C-alpha atoms as a PDB file:
ATOM      1  CA  MET A   1      56.445  31.695  22.833  1.00  0.00           C
ATOM      2  CA  ILE A   2      58.355  34.547  24.470  1.00  0.00           C
ATOM      3  CA  PRO A   3      61.645  35.093  22.599  1.00  0.00           C
ATOM      4  CA  GLU A   4      64.814  34.639  24.626  1.00  0.00           C
ATOM      5  CA  PRO A   5      65.884  38.188  25.518  1.00  0.00           C
ATOM      6  CA  PRO A   6      69.523  39.265  25.386  1.00  0.00           C
ATOM      7  CA  PRO A   7      71.288  39.772  28.739  1.00  0.00           C
ATOM      8  CA  LYS A   8      70.208  42.971  30.458  1.00  0.00           C
ATOM      9  CA  VAL A   9      72.772  45.753  30.676  1.00  0.00           C
ATOM     10  CA  ILE A  10      72.150  48.104  33.582  1.00  0.00           C
ATOM     11  CA  THR A  11      74.105  51.161  34.689  1.00  0.00           C
ATOM     12  CA  ARG A  12      74.900  52.777  38.013  1.00  0.00           C
ATOM     13  CA  LEU A  13      76.704  56.055  38.672  1.00  0.00           C
ATOM     14  CA  ARG A  14      79.608  55.408  41.044  1.00  0.00           C
ATOM     15  CA  GLY A  15      82.104  58.100  42.055  1.00  0.00           C
ATOM     16  CA  GLY A  16      81.417  60.129  38.930  1.00  0.00           C
ATOM     17  CA  GLU A  17      81.878  57.095  36.647  1.00  0.00           C
ATOM     18  CA  ILE A  18      79.228  55.079  34.805  1.00  0.00           C
ATOM     19  CA  HIS A  19      79.442  51.392  35.716  1.00  0.00           C
ATOM     20  CA  ALA A  20      77.796  48.910  33.346  1.00  0.00           C
ATOM     21  CA  TYR A  21      76.662  45.497  34.638  1.00  0.00           C
ATOM     22  CA  VAL A  22      75.654  42.562  32.459  1.00  0.00           C
ATOM     23  CA  VAL A  23      72.834  40.569  34.044  1.00  0.00           C
ATOM     24  CA  GLY A  24      73.148  37.296  32.178  1.00  0.00           C
ATOM     25  CA  THR A  25      72.045  33.713  32.731  1.00  0.00           C
ATOM     26  CA  GLY A  26      73.593  32.178  35.848  1.00  0.00           C
ATOM     27  CA  VAL A  27      75.016  35.488  37.123  1.00  0.00           C
ATOM     28  CA  PHE A  28      73.855  35.980  40.725  1.00  0.00           C
ATOM     29  CA  GLY A  29      75.040  37.538  43.948  1.00  0.00           C
ATOM     30  CA  ARG A  30      76.955  40.799  43.982  1.00  0.00           C
ATOM     31  CA  LEU A  31      77.462  42.006  40.414  1.00  0.00           C
ATOM     32  CA  GLU A  32      80.808  43.357  39.278  1.00  0.00           C
ATOM     33  CA  PRO A  33      80.930  46.054  36.580  1.00  0.00           C
ATOM     34  CA  THR A  34      81.760  44.635  33.160  1.00  0.00           C
ATOM     35  CA  ALA A  35      82.645  48.032  31.710  1.00  0.00           C
ATOM     36  CA  VAL A  36      83.354  51.457  33.199  1.00  0.00           C
ATOM     37  CA  PHE A  37      82.874  54.743  31.349  1.00  0.00           C
ATOM     38  CA  ARG A  38      84.274  58.086  32.464  1.00  0.00           C
ATOM     39  CA  PRO A  39      82.218  61.151  31.467  1.00  0.00           C
ATOM     40  CA  ARG A  40      83.937  64.210  30.091  1.00  0.00           C
ATOM     41  CA  ASP A  41      85.595  66.462  32.656  1.00  0.00           C
ATOM     42  CA  GLY A  42      83.212  68.640  34.597  1.00  0.00           C
ATOM     43  CA  GLU A  43      80.036  66.880  33.458  1.00  0.00           C
ATOM     44  CA  GLU A  44      77.480  65.704  35.996  1.00  0.00           C
ATOM     45  CA  VAL A  45      75.594  62.700  34.676  1.00  0.00           C
ATOM     46  CA  VAL A  46      71.832  62.585  35.218  1.00  0.00           C
ATOM     47  CA  ALA A  47      70.900  59.396  33.315  1.00  0.00           C
ATOM     48  CA  SER A  48      72.825  56.866  31.244  1.00  0.00           C
ATOM     49  CA  VAL A  49      72.455  53.820  29.014  1.00  0.00           C
ATOM     50  CA  VAL A  50      75.141  51.508  27.622  1.00  0.00           C
ATOM     51  CA  ARG A  51      74.968  49.758  24.266  1.00  0.00           C
ATOM     52  CA  GLN A  52      74.524  45.985  24.289  1.00  0.00           C
ATOM     53  CA  ASP A  53      78.106  45.379  23.069  1.00  0.00           C
ATOM     54  CA  LEU A  54      79.446  47.636  25.886  1.00  0.00           C
ATOM     55  CA  GLU A  55      81.377  49.769  23.392  1.00  0.00           C
ATOM     56  CA  ARG A  56      79.396  53.009  23.750  1.00  0.00           C
ATOM     57  CA  VAL A  57      77.606  54.930  26.450  1.00  0.00           C
ATOM     58  CA  VAL A  58      74.950  57.613  26.066  1.00  0.00           C
ATOM     59  CA  TYR A  59      74.259  59.939  28.972  1.00  0.00           C
ATOM     60  CA  THR A  60      72.415  63.141  29.760  1.00  0.00           C
ATOM     61  CA  THR A  61      73.471  66.119  31.822  1.00  0.00           C
ATOM     62  CA  LEU A  62      71.210  69.053  32.647  1.00  0.00           C
ATOM     63  CA  ASN A  63      72.159  70.687  29.334  1.00  0.00           C
ATOM     64  CA  GLU A  64      73.093  68.011  26.787  1.00  0.00           C
ATOM     65  CA  VAL A  65      73.096  64.402  25.647  1.00  0.00           C
ATOM     66  CA  VAL A  66      76.503  62.837  24.988  1.00  0.00           C
ATOM     67  CA  CYS A  67      77.743  59.644  23.336  1.00  0.00           C
ATOM     68  CA  LEU A  68      81.246  58.338  24.134  1.00  0.00           C
ATOM     69  CA  THR A  69      83.227  55.246  23.221  1.00  0.00           C
ATOM     70  CA  ARG A  70      84.491  52.900  25.892  1.00  0.00           C
ATOM     71  CA  ALA A  71      87.909  54.530  25.456  1.00  0.00           C
ATOM     72  CA  GLY A  72      86.378  57.917  26.263  1.00  0.00           C
ATOM     73  CA  ASP A  73      86.386  59.332  22.735  1.00  0.00           C
ATOM     74  CA  LEU A  74      83.512  61.621  21.804  1.00  0.00           C
ATOM     75  CA  VAL A  75      81.177  60.145  19.181  1.00  0.00           C
ATOM     76  CA  TRP A  76      78.656  62.993  19.263  1.00  0.00           C
ATOM     77  CA  ALA A  77      77.001  65.476  21.591  1.00  0.00           C
ATOM     78  CA  SER A  78      73.798  67.486  21.292  1.00  0.00           C
ATOM     79  CA  ASP A  79      73.171  70.578  23.406  1.00  0.00           C
ATOM     80  CA  PHE A  80      69.823  71.459  24.939  1.00  0.00           C
ATOM     81  CA  GLU A  81      69.510  75.055  23.848  1.00  0.00           C
ATOM     82  CA  PRO A  82      69.320  77.605  25.274  1.00  0.00           C
ATOM     83  CA  ARG A  83      71.525  76.521  28.165  1.00  0.00           C
ATOM     84  CA  SER A  84      69.712  76.393  31.499  1.00  0.00           C
ATOM     85  CA  ASP A  85      71.031  77.865  34.726  1.00  0.00           C
ATOM     86  CA  VAL A  86      68.356  76.087  36.773  1.00  0.00           C
ATOM     87  CA  ARG A  87      70.129  73.509  38.930  1.00  0.00           C
ATOM     88  CA  ARG A  88      67.203  71.528  40.361  1.00  0.00           C
ATOM     89  CA  GLY A  89      63.769  70.349  39.369  1.00  0.00           C
ATOM     90  CA  HIS A  90      64.533  68.972  35.903  1.00  0.00           C
ATOM     91  CA  ARG A  91      66.207  65.667  35.008  1.00  0.00           C
ATOM     92  CA  PRO A  92      66.602  64.713  31.329  1.00  0.00           C
ATOM     93  CA  ASP A  93      66.397  60.988  30.578  1.00  0.00           C
ATOM     94  CA  CYS A  94      67.601  58.794  27.711  1.00  0.00           C
ATOM     95  CA  VAL A  95      67.274  55.262  26.354  1.00  0.00           C
ATOM     96  CA  LEU A  96      68.549  53.255  23.395  1.00  0.00           C
ATOM     97  CA  SER A  97      66.039  51.626  21.084  1.00  0.00           C
ATOM     98  CA  ARG A  98      65.802  47.843  21.073  1.00  0.00           C
ATOM     99  CA  ASP A  99      67.849  47.619  17.852  1.00  0.00           C
ATOM    100  CA  GLY A 100      70.387  50.188  19.095  1.00  0.00           C
ATOM    101  CA  ARG A 101      69.878  52.476  16.099  1.00  0.00           C
ATOM    102  CA  THR A 102      68.234  55.404  17.857  1.00  0.00           C
ATOM    103  CA  VAL A 103      68.497  57.285  21.143  1.00  0.00           C
ATOM    104  CA  TRP A 104      65.290  58.634  22.669  1.00  0.00           C
ATOM    105  CA  VAL A 105      65.763  61.675  24.904  1.00  0.00           C
ATOM    106  CA  TYR A 106      63.248  63.357  27.193  1.00  0.00           C
ATOM    107  CA  ARG A 107      63.946  67.055  27.741  1.00  0.00           C
ATOM    108  CA  PRO A 108      62.100  68.751  30.655  1.00  0.00           C
ATOM    109  CA  ASP A 109      62.557  72.141  29.019  1.00  0.00           C
ATOM    110  CA  ALA A 110      59.675  73.878  30.806  1.00  0.00           C
ATOM    111  CA  MET A 111      61.128  73.308  34.275  1.00  0.00           C
ATOM    112  CA  ALA A 112      64.587  74.121  32.927  1.00  0.00           C
ATOM    113  CA  GLY A 113      63.292  77.597  32.025  1.00  0.00           C
ATOM    114  CA  ARG A 114      64.051  77.354  28.310  1.00  0.00           C
ATOM    115  CA  GLY A 115      60.943  79.314  27.383  1.00  0.00           C
ATOM    116  CA  GLY A 116      59.034  76.429  25.839  1.00  0.00           C
ATOM    117  CA  GLY A 117      57.368  73.133  26.586  1.00  0.00           C
ATOM    118  CA  ASP A 118      58.992  69.773  27.135  1.00  0.00           C
ATOM    119  CA  GLN A 119      60.380  67.779  24.212  1.00  0.00           C
ATOM    120  CA  TRP A 120      60.836  64.123  23.320  1.00  0.00           C
ATOM    121  CA  ALA A 121      63.564  63.800  20.691  1.00  0.00           C
ATOM    122  CA  VAL A 122      64.795  60.823  18.660  1.00  0.00           C
ATOM    123  CA  HIS A 123      68.495  60.904  17.695  1.00  0.00           C
ATOM    124  CA  ASP A 124      70.451  58.754  15.278  1.00  0.00           C
ATOM    125  CA  ALA A 125      72.645  56.663  17.582  1.00  0.00           C
ATOM    126  CA  ASP A 126      75.633  56.859  15.227  1.00  0.00           C
ATOM    127  CA  ASN A 127      75.848  60.604  14.678  1.00  0.00           C
ATOM    128  CA  GLY A 128      73.372  62.303  17.006  1.00  0.00           C
ATOM    129  CA  VAL A 129      71.251  63.820  14.252  1.00  0.00           C
ATOM    130  CA  VAL A 130      67.692  64.504  15.419  1.00  0.00           C
ATOM    131  CA  LEU A 131      65.382  62.274  13.381  1.00  0.00           C
ATOM    132  CA  ALA A 132      62.129  63.343  15.018  1.00  0.00           C
ATOM    133  CA  ARG A 133      60.940  65.656  17.744  1.00  0.00           C
ATOM    134  CA  CYS A 134      57.692  65.633  19.692  1.00  0.00           C
ATOM    135  CA  GLU A 135      56.624  68.913  21.286  1.00  0.00           C
ATOM    136  CA  LEU A 136      54.913  67.986  24.558  1.00  0.00           C
ATOM    137  CA  GLU A 137      52.284  69.772  26.611  1.00  0.00           C
ATOM    138  CA  THR A 138      53.814  68.597  29.868  1.00  0.00           C
ATOM    139  CA  VAL A 139      55.720  70.482  32.560  1.00  0.00           C
ATOM    140  CA  GLY A 140      57.713  67.565  33.869  1.00  0.00           C
ATOM    141  CA  HIS A 141      60.428  67.290  36.473  1.00  0.00           C
ATOM    142  CA  GLY A 142      61.763  64.055  34.983  1.00  0.00           C
ATOM    143  CA  ALA A 143      60.753  60.868  33.215  1.00  0.00           C
ATOM    144  CA  THR A 144      61.552  57.207  32.770  1.00  0.00           C
ATOM    145  CA  HIS A 145      61.731  55.233  29.534  1.00  0.00           C
ATOM    146  CA  HIS A 146      60.623  51.608  29.044  1.00  0.00           C
ATOM    147  CA  VAL A 147      61.534  49.685  25.883  1.00  0.00           C
ATOM    148  CA  HIS A 148      58.988  47.145  24.695  1.00  0.00           C
ATOM    149  CA  PRO A 149      60.772  43.760  24.613  1.00  0.00           C
ATOM    150  CA  VAL A 150      59.175  42.560  21.356  1.00  0.00           C
ATOM    151  CA  ASP A 151      57.941  45.337  19.064  1.00  0.00           C
ATOM    152  CA  GLY A 152      60.585  47.863  20.151  1.00  0.00           C
ATOM    153  CA  SER A 153      58.154  50.679  20.900  1.00  0.00           C
ATOM    154  CA  ILE A 154      59.192  53.111  23.629  1.00  0.00           C
ATOM    155  CA  TYR A 155      57.058  54.058  26.612  1.00  0.00           C
ATOM    156  CA  LEU A 156      57.710  57.346  28.404  1.00  0.00           C
ATOM    157  CA  ASP A 157      56.346  58.179  31.868  1.00  0.00           C
ATOM    158  CA  ILE A 158      56.635  61.892  32.686  1.00  0.00           C
ATOM    159  CA  GLY A 159      56.292  63.001  36.298  1.00  0.00           C
ATOM    160  CA  GLU A 160      54.758  66.451  36.785  1.00  0.00           C
ATOM    161  CA  GLY A 161      54.959  66.498  40.559  1.00  0.00           C
ATOM    162  CA  GLN A 162      51.656  67.314  42.234  1.00  0.00           C
ATOM    163  CA  ASP A 163      50.030  67.755  38.802  1.00  0.00           C
ATOM    164  CA  GLY A 164      50.218  64.048  38.024  1.00  0.00           C
ATOM    165  CA  SER A 165      51.913  61.823  35.484  1.00  0.00           C
ATOM    166  CA  VAL A 166      51.604  61.501  31.706  1.00  0.00           C
ATOM    167  CA  ILE A 167      52.323  58.297  29.753  1.00  0.00           C
ATOM    168  CA  LEU A 168      53.264  58.341  26.069  1.00  0.00           C
ATOM    169  CA  ARG A 169      54.300  55.687  23.579  1.00  0.00           C
ATOM    170  CA  GLY A 170      56.606  56.140  20.599  1.00  0.00           C
ATOM    171  CA  THR A 171      56.736  53.822  17.607  1.00  0.00           C
ATOM    172  CA  VAL A 172      58.457  53.761  14.234  1.00  0.00           C
ATOM    173  CA  GLY A 173      55.868  53.642  11.464  1.00  0.00           C
ATOM    174  CA  ALA A 174      55.950  51.737   8.184  1.00  0.00           C
ATOM    175  CA  GLY A 175      57.685  54.652   6.498  1.00  0.00           C
ATOM    176  CA  GLY A 176      60.400  54.787   9.137  1.00  0.00           C
ATOM    177  CA  GLU A 177      59.031  57.948  10.771  1.00  0.00           C
ATOM    178  CA  PRO A 178      58.525  57.927  14.548  1.00  0.00           C
ATOM    179  CA  GLU A 179      54.936  58.310  15.722  1.00  0.00           C
ATOM    180  CA  PHE A 180      53.858  59.456  19.185  1.00  0.00           C
ATOM    181  CA  VAL A 181      50.713  58.574  21.125  1.00  0.00           C
ATOM    182  CA  THR A 182      49.612  60.012  24.492  1.00  0.00           C
ATOM    183  CA  TYR A 183      47.479  57.823  26.744  1.00  0.00           C
ATOM    184  CA  PRO A 184      44.294  59.471  28.064  1.00  0.00           C
ATOM    185  CA  TRP A 185      45.349  59.685  31.731  1.00  0.00           C
ATOM    186  CA  GLN A 186      47.116  62.228  33.867  1.00  0.00           C
ATOM    187  CA  ASP A 187      46.830  60.258  37.065  1.00  0.00           C
ATOM    188  CA  ARG A 188      48.719  57.004  36.453  1.00  0.00           C
ATOM    189  CA  CYS A 189      52.440  56.241  36.805  1.00  0.00           C
ATOM    190  CA  LEU A 190      53.963  53.579  34.577  1.00  0.00           C
ATOM    191  CA  ILE A 191      55.850  51.034  36.672  1.00  0.00           C
ATOM    192  CA  ASP A 192      56.883  48.194  34.360  1.00  0.00           C
ATOM    193  CA  LEU A 193      56.208  46.209  31.174  1.00  0.00           C
ATOM    194  CA  ALA A 194      55.595  42.449  31.251  1.00  0.00           C
ATOM    195  CA  PRO A 195      58.491  40.310  29.900  1.00  0.00           C
ATOM    196  CA  SER A 196      56.378  39.402  26.843  1.00  0.00           C
ATOM    197  CA  GLY A 197      55.191  42.983  26.456  1.00  0.00           C
ATOM    198  CA  HIS A 198      51.546  41.855  26.388  1.00  0.00           C
ATOM    199  CA  GLN A 199      50.625  44.118  29.301  1.00  0.00           C
ATOM    200  CA  PHE A 200      51.944  46.833  31.591  1.00  0.00           C
ATOM    201  CA  MET A 201      51.530  47.908  35.199  1.00  0.00           C
ATOM    202  CA  THR A 202      50.607  51.361  36.535  1.00  0.00           C
ATOM    203  CA  VAL A 203      50.007  52.893  39.957  1.00  0.00           C
ATOM    204  CA  ASP A 204      47.525  55.667  40.635  1.00  0.00           C
ATOM    205  CA  HIS A 205      49.326  58.987  41.109  1.00  0.00           C
ATOM    206  CA  GLU A 206      47.480  59.443  44.395  1.00  0.00           C
ATOM    207  CA  GLN A 207      48.629  55.888  45.274  1.00  0.00           C
ATOM    208  CA  ALA A 208      45.126  54.495  45.811  1.00  0.00           C
ATOM    209  CA  ASP A 209      45.466  51.439  43.543  1.00  0.00           C
ATOM    210  CA  VAL A 210      47.509  49.396  41.083  1.00  0.00           C
ATOM    211  CA  ALA A 211      46.236  48.506  37.612  1.00  0.00           C
ATOM    212  CA  PHE A 212      47.292  46.192  34.809  1.00  0.00           C
ATOM    213  CA  HIS A 213      46.713  47.227  31.207  1.00  0.00           C
ATOM    214  CA  ASP A 214      46.642  45.602  27.800  1.00  0.00           C
ATOM    215  CA  HIS A 215      49.421  46.561  25.359  1.00  0.00           C
ATOM    216  CA  PRO A 216      49.257  48.678  23.272  1.00  0.00           C
ATOM    217  CA  ASP A 217      45.774  50.184  23.706  1.00  0.00           C
ATOM    218  CA  GLY A 218      46.030  50.574  27.481  1.00  0.00           C
ATOM    219  CA  ASP A 219      42.663  49.011  28.301  1.00  0.00           C
ATOM    220  CA  VAL A 220      42.482  48.111  32.008  1.00  0.00           C
ATOM    221  CA  LEU A 221      42.527  44.355  32.596  1.00  0.00           C
ATOM    222  CA  PHE A 222      42.053  44.517  36.371  1.00  0.00           C
ATOM    223  CA  THR A 223      42.671  46.863  39.291  1.00  0.00           C
ATOM    224  CA  PHE A 224      43.502  46.305  42.969  1.00  0.00           C
ATOM    225  CA  PRO A 225      42.786  49.121  45.460  1.00  0.00           C
ATOM    226  CA  VAL A 226      44.683  49.359  48.738  1.00  0.00           C
ATOM    227  CA  GLU A 227      41.926  47.593  50.668  1.00  0.00           C
ATOM    228  CA  ALA A 228      42.206  44.507  48.413  1.00  0.00           C
ATOM    229  CA  PHE A 229      45.577  43.829  50.079  1.00  0.00           C
ATOM    230  CA  GLY A 230      44.018  44.009  53.541  1.00  0.00           C
ATOM    231  CA  TYR A 231      45.100  47.547  54.472  1.00  0.00           C
ATOM    232  CA  ASP A 232      43.216  50.650  55.523  1.00  0.00           C
ATOM    233  CA  PRO A 233      43.238  53.101  52.573  1.00  0.00           C
ATOM    234  CA  GLU A 234      43.207  55.995  55.038  1.00  0.00           C
ATOM    235  CA  GLU A 235      46.525  54.866  56.498  1.00  0.00           C
ATOM    236  CA  SER A 236      48.226  52.950  53.652  1.00  0.00           C
ATOM    237  CA  PHE A 237      49.069  53.457  49.997  1.00  0.00           C
ATOM    238  CA  VAL A 238      50.521  51.733  46.940  1.00  0.00           C
ATOM    239  CA  GLU A 239      54.154  52.664  46.343  1.00  0.00           C
ATOM    240  CA  TRP A 240      55.332  53.794  42.895  1.00  0.00           C
ATOM    241  CA  SER A 241      57.553  50.730  42.692  1.00  0.00           C
ATOM    242  CA  GLY A 242      57.543  46.967  42.041  1.00  0.00           C
ATOM    243  CA  GLY A 243      57.083  45.341  38.648  1.00  0.00           C
ATOM    244  CA  TYR A 244      57.020  41.972  36.931  1.00  0.00           C
ATOM    245  CA  LEU A 245      58.873  39.185  38.716  1.00  0.00           C
ATOM    246  CA  THR A 246      57.910  36.772  35.926  1.00  0.00           C
ATOM    247  CA  GLU A 247      55.511  36.782  33.011  1.00  0.00           C
ATOM    248  CA  ASP A 248      52.715  35.571  35.307  1.00  0.00           C
ATOM    249  CA  THR A 249      53.626  37.300  38.580  1.00  0.00           C
ATOM    250  CA  ALA A 250      53.977  40.957  39.529  1.00  0.00           C
ATOM    251  CA  ILE A 251      55.222  42.543  42.752  1.00  0.00           C
ATOM    252  CA  VAL A 252      53.141  45.341  44.262  1.00  0.00           C
ATOM    253  CA  THR A 253      54.498  47.329  47.204  1.00  0.00           C
ATOM    254  CA  LEU A 254      52.281  48.785  49.941  1.00  0.00           C
ATOM    255  CA  GLY A 255      53.462  51.349  52.470  1.00  0.00           C
ATOM    256  CA  GLY A 256      52.377  53.549  55.333  1.00  0.00           C
ATOM    257  CA  GLU A 257      53.205  54.703  58.848  1.00  0.00           C
ATOM    258  CA  SER A 258      52.750  52.884  62.143  1.00  0.00           C
ATOM    259  CA  GLN A 259      51.130  54.500  65.178  1.00  0.00           C
ATOM    260  CA  ASP A 260      54.570  55.594  66.400  1.00  0.00           C
ATOM    261  CA  GLU A 261      55.210  57.261  63.002  1.00  0.00           C
ATOM    262  CA  GLU A 262      57.611  54.580  61.812  1.00  0.00           C
ATOM    263  CA  GLU A 263      57.465  54.109  58.041  1.00  0.00           C
ATOM    264  CA  TRP A 264      56.836  50.574  56.787  1.00  0.00           C
ATOM    265  CA  PHE A 265      56.466  48.802  53.445  1.00  0.00           C
ATOM    266  CA  ARG A 266      55.588  45.287  52.343  1.00  0.00           C
ATOM    267  CA  HIS A 267      55.725  43.496  48.999  1.00  0.00           C
ATOM    268  CA  HIS A 268      52.769  41.512  47.656  1.00  0.00           C
ATOM    269  CA  LEU A 269      52.425  39.155  44.704  1.00  0.00           C
ATOM    270  CA  VAL A 270      49.749  39.327  42.016  1.00  0.00           C
ATOM    271  CA  ASP A 271      48.968  36.481  39.627  1.00  0.00           C
ATOM    272  CA  VAL A 272      48.502  38.579  36.497  1.00  0.00           C
ATOM    273  CA  ARG A 273      47.395  35.580  34.444  1.00  0.00           C
ATOM    274  CA  LYS A 274      44.378  34.972  36.685  1.00  0.00           C
ATOM    275  CA  GLY A 275      44.015  38.514  38.037  1.00  0.00           C
ATOM    276  CA  ILE A 276      44.183  37.457  41.696  1.00  0.00           C
ATOM    277  CA  LEU A 277      46.379  38.171  44.710  1.00  0.00           C
ATOM    278  CA  SER A 278      48.816  35.399  45.616  1.00  0.00           C
ATOM    279  CA  GLY A 279      50.441  36.242  48.935  1.00  0.00           C
ATOM    280  CA  GLU A 280      53.202  38.327  50.433  1.00  0.00           C
ATOM    281  CA  PHE A 281      56.744  38.432  49.058  1.00  0.00           C
ATOM    282  CA  THR A 282      59.502  38.593  51.676  1.00  0.00           C
ATOM    283  CA  VAL A 283      62.764  40.214  50.659  1.00  0.00           C
ATOM    284  CA  LYS A 284      65.419  42.255  52.444  1.00  0.00           C
ATOM    285  CA  ALA A 285      65.410  45.841  51.215  1.00  0.00           C
ATOM    286  CA  SER A 286      66.110  49.167  52.889  1.00  0.00           C
ATOM    287  CA  ASN A 287      63.402  51.106  51.047  1.00  0.00           C
ATOM    288  CA  PRO A 288      60.456  50.432  48.685  1.00  0.00           C
ATOM    289  CA  TYR A 289      62.468  51.342  45.597  1.00  0.00           C
ATOM    290  CA  GLU A 290      65.543  49.219  46.230  1.00  0.00           C
ATOM    291  CA  LEU A 291      63.869  46.055  44.907  1.00  0.00           C
ATOM    292  CA  VAL A 292      63.996  45.882  41.080  1.00  0.00           C
ATOM    293  CA  PRO A 293      62.251  42.838  39.536  1.00  0.00           C
ATOM    294  CA  LEU A 294      63.884  41.628  36.306  1.00  0.00           C
ATOM    295  CA  GLY A 295      60.999  39.609  34.855  1.00  0.00           C
ATOM    296  CA  ASP A 296      62.824  36.265  34.796  1.00  0.00           C
ATOM    297  CA  GLY A 297      62.195  35.236  38.400  1.00  0.00           C
ATOM    298  CA  SER A 298      65.131  37.242  39.720  1.00  0.00           C
ATOM    299  CA  TRP A 299      65.482  40.722  41.188  1.00  0.00           C
ATOM    300  CA  LEU A 300      68.069  43.283  42.217  1.00  0.00           C
ATOM    301  CA  THR A 301      68.720  45.000  45.527  1.00  0.00           C
ATOM    302  CA  GLY A 302      71.577  47.207  46.696  1.00  0.00           C
ATOM    303  CA  GLY A 303      74.768  45.725  48.069  1.00  0.00           C
ATOM    304  CA  PRO A 304      78.164  46.669  49.509  1.00  0.00           C
ATOM    305  CA  ASP A 305      79.724  49.714  47.832  1.00  0.00           C
ATOM    306  CA  ASP A 306      76.343  50.217  46.094  1.00  0.00           C
ATOM    307  CA  ASP A 307      76.989  47.461  43.560  1.00  0.00           C
ATOM    308  CA  PRO A 308      73.686  45.732  42.706  1.00  0.00           C
ATOM    309  CA  VAL A 309      73.009  42.252  44.069  1.00  0.00           C
ATOM    310  CA  ARG A 310      70.978  39.772  42.045  1.00  0.00           C
ATOM    311  CA  TRP A 311      68.710  37.280  43.817  1.00  0.00           C
ATOM    312  CA  SER A 312      66.407  34.488  42.683  1.00  0.00           C
ATOM    313  CA  SER A 313      63.419  32.656  44.137  1.00  0.00           C
ATOM    314  CA  ALA A 314      64.576  29.369  42.584  1.00  0.00           C
ATOM    315  CA  PRO A 315      66.365  27.072  45.091  1.00  0.00           C
ATOM    316  CA  GLN A 316      70.049  26.592  44.264  1.00  0.00           C
ATOM    317  CA  PRO A 317      72.629  24.182  45.723  1.00  0.00           C
ATOM    318  CA  HIS A 318      75.143  25.642  48.144  1.00  0.00           C
ATOM    319  CA  PRO A 319      78.572  24.166  48.918  1.00  0.00           C
ATOM    320  CA  ALA A 320      77.868  24.128  52.661  1.00  0.00           C
ATOM    321  CA  ALA A 321      74.103  23.706  52.951  1.00  0.00           C
ATOM    322  CA  PRO A 322      70.961  23.711  50.820  1.00  0.00           C
ATOM    323  CA  ALA A 323      69.811  27.187  49.885  1.00  0.00           C
ATOM    324  CA  SER A 324      66.448  28.439  51.037  1.00  0.00           C
ATOM    325  CA  PRO A 325      64.052  29.633  48.308  1.00  0.00           C
ATOM    326  CA  TYR A 326      65.007  33.271  48.939  1.00  0.00           C
ATOM    327  CA  GLU A 327      68.668  32.843  49.750  1.00  0.00           C
ATOM    328  CA  ARG A 328      71.070  34.776  47.570  1.00  0.00           C
ATOM    329  CA  GLN A 329      72.735  32.641  44.931  1.00  0.00           C
ATOM    330  CA  GLN A 330      76.486  32.731  44.978  1.00  0.00           C
ATOM    331  CA  PRO A 331      78.411  33.659  41.836  1.00  0.00           C
END
């Protein structure tokens, strides 16, 4: 049985502030921030994560990782040395471990011009002390972290631009020491982990197909090329977006250009239990990356003032009229 996960806490950068939203049971429609954190003066936030109790935020800038209380007091900060004067092309990322005890930070030091390769560092969440550091062979522009919902391992997907994408996995061994494993691909982008963590979804870096893999070894369970969705692979491609709508259903996004050079994209469903396609998924979104599946049958899109909006495919009663299966639920 899949354990009941805690409510998701997501962040958005709004007007220089970090807004934290709690995506809990029964919370639908336009989401209002539950907590707001103000970075230190003069700091431009690149990535952020808020602790489950909403009392602390961790964020990266181009040159450091910072932890503040909700009141704005500094808990700790760790500089990326030497300081980089490069303004573009490198975006450090961070994530809290499942138990909240550690902060995992990706440092794209090569692109930042620090004279060395990239690093993946593990900090103590209470004091910022570096507990482990993995020297990487990548030259990444940025990366995304994914926390395994059950065993707490951390996946890292590093984007190297035209050179491809590298996927790593970090675990904490029996002795408490972090261990790092690199998957044997440089051409797959990690999109999402299943709600149970039993598998994960990747898209070919050249966007020719989508694949689903067993966790943790990465063995391919099944693959769908562009033509499996009924499109011409010379004119269409798989977007680096989508994810798990539920444990048994994933969303795959296809895109391309029409004859009059208008860009288009469409969402398709995959039954990951049976390994078969199961139809098109209709949702209002302005771009292929606006839709964010949450794994529980609901998903996020953008809304007024850039606050996220949560939707669900489950029919819900409406005060005026019955809701359609894809009508936004009202808070």
